[in-house]
Structures are given as C-alpha cells and as structure tokens.
Amino acid sequence: GAVHPQLQKSLGLNSTAYVFEVEVSALETRKLPEAVIVSKFPSNRRDIAILVADDVKIGDILNSIEKVGGNQLVDLNLFD
C-alpha cells in the first residue's frame, strides 16, 4: 500500500511511494506460457463448388484433392 505521508516527507520523497512484498518462491515455481511460432504464411479458407458427371465417385474427388493439397491441406469438408 501507500507509504504514510509523514514517512514520505521524512524520507524526502516528493511523490507518493508504495510498498509491497513479493513471494519469490511462488514466482520461481510458476509455469510460464510458451510462445507459439506464427507462420509466415497465414492460413486461408476456400469454399469451392465443382460440377462432375453423375458416375464420378466422391471418394475419387476427395482423394484427388488430398493428393494435390499434400501437407498444405489441413482440413477438407464435404457439404451437399
């Protein structure tokens, strides 16, 4: 808390001083968060519609997309 004004005056302090205690052992045992490396290439999301013949199997389409996407493809969702 704040140091009593009379003590501040006797110490020759011109502004309000504060006193506090720090439990160093608590700081030493505290687990610090680890930084996460940020990619130079931010992710992006694409919504792509394609038309195919009726006899084309969805498995073939998904396999082709995964093959082309390689390790750059993080997620693939099929809808409708």
Protein backbone atom coordinates (compact mmCIF):
# COMPACT_ATOMS: atom_id res chain seq x y z
CA GLY A 1 0.00 0.00 0.00
CA ALA A 2 0.89 3.68 0.06
CA VAL A 3 3.56 4.86 2.48
CA HIS A 4 2.23 7.18 5.18
CA PRO A 5 2.61 10.85 4.10
CA GLN A 6 4.68 11.73 7.20
CA LEU A 7 7.16 8.93 6.44
CA GLN A 8 7.34 10.02 2.81
CA LYS A 9 8.10 13.57 3.93
CA SER A 10 10.78 12.43 6.41
CA LEU A 11 12.42 10.36 3.64
CA GLY A 12 12.39 13.37 1.32
CA LEU A 13 10.08 11.77 -1.22
CA ASN A 14 8.24 14.24 -3.47
CA SER A 15 5.58 11.86 -4.72
CA THR A 16 3.50 9.00 -3.35
CA ALA A 17 5.52 5.85 -2.64
CA TYR A 18 4.12 2.35 -2.40
CA VAL A 19 5.39 -0.71 -0.55
CA PHE A 20 4.67 -4.34 -1.41
CA GLU A 21 6.00 -7.82 -0.78
CA VAL A 22 6.89 -10.35 -3.44
CA GLU A 23 6.99 -14.06 -2.68
CA VAL A 24 9.88 -15.01 -4.96
CA SER A 25 9.42 -18.75 -4.44
CA ALA A 26 5.90 -18.51 -5.89
CA LEU A 27 7.29 -16.78 -8.97
CA GLU A 28 10.02 -19.37 -9.41
CA THR A 29 7.58 -22.30 -9.45
CA ARG A 30 5.08 -20.63 -11.77
CA LYS A 31 4.92 -22.20 -15.22
CA LEU A 32 5.38 -19.58 -17.91
CA PRO A 33 3.38 -19.86 -21.13
CA GLU A 34 5.34 -20.94 -24.17
CA ALA A 35 5.33 -18.83 -27.29
CA VAL A 36 3.79 -20.29 -30.41
CA ILE A 37 5.64 -19.81 -33.66
CA VAL A 38 3.49 -17.83 -36.08
CA SER A 39 3.56 -18.99 -39.66
CA LYS A 40 4.90 -16.61 -42.29
CA PHE A 41 2.07 -17.84 -44.47
CA PRO A 42 -1.32 -17.29 -42.81
CA SER A 43 -3.97 -19.93 -43.38
CA ASN A 44 -6.87 -19.27 -45.67
CA ARG A 45 -10.17 -20.94 -46.29
CA ARG A 46 -11.74 -21.69 -49.63
CA ASP A 47 -15.29 -22.68 -50.48
CA ILE A 48 -15.16 -24.37 -53.87
CA ALA A 49 -18.09 -25.72 -55.87
CA ILE A 50 -17.45 -28.22 -58.65
CA LEU A 51 -19.72 -29.97 -61.13
CA VAL A 52 -18.91 -33.54 -62.11
CA ALA A 53 -20.58 -36.29 -64.08
CA ASP A 54 -23.06 -38.48 -62.23
CA ASP A 55 -20.77 -41.53 -62.42
CA VAL A 56 -17.83 -39.83 -60.63
CA LYS A 57 -17.43 -41.16 -57.10
CA ILE A 58 -16.99 -38.75 -54.20
CA GLY A 59 -14.10 -40.84 -52.91
CA ASP A 60 -12.21 -40.23 -56.15
CA ILE A 61 -12.78 -36.47 -55.86
CA LEU A 62 -11.64 -36.36 -52.23
CA ASN A 63 -8.57 -38.48 -52.98
CA SER A 64 -7.60 -36.18 -55.84
CA ILE A 65 -7.97 -33.08 -53.68
CA GLU A 66 -5.92 -34.64 -50.86
CA LYS A 67 -3.22 -35.73 -53.32
CA VAL A 68 -2.90 -32.26 -54.83
CA GLY A 69 -3.17 -30.48 -51.46
CA GLY A 70 -0.45 -32.59 -49.86
CA ASN A 71 0.74 -31.32 -46.48
CA GLN A 72 -0.67 -27.87 -47.23
CA LEU A 73 -4.21 -29.20 -46.91
CA VAL A 74 -5.24 -29.10 -43.26
CA ASP A 75 -8.95 -29.87 -43.46
CA LEU A 76 -11.41 -30.95 -46.11
CA ASN A 77 -15.18 -30.86 -45.58
CA LEU A 78 -17.81 -32.07 -47.97
CA PHE A 79 -21.25 -30.49 -47.93
CA ASP A 80 -24.37 -31.08 -50.01
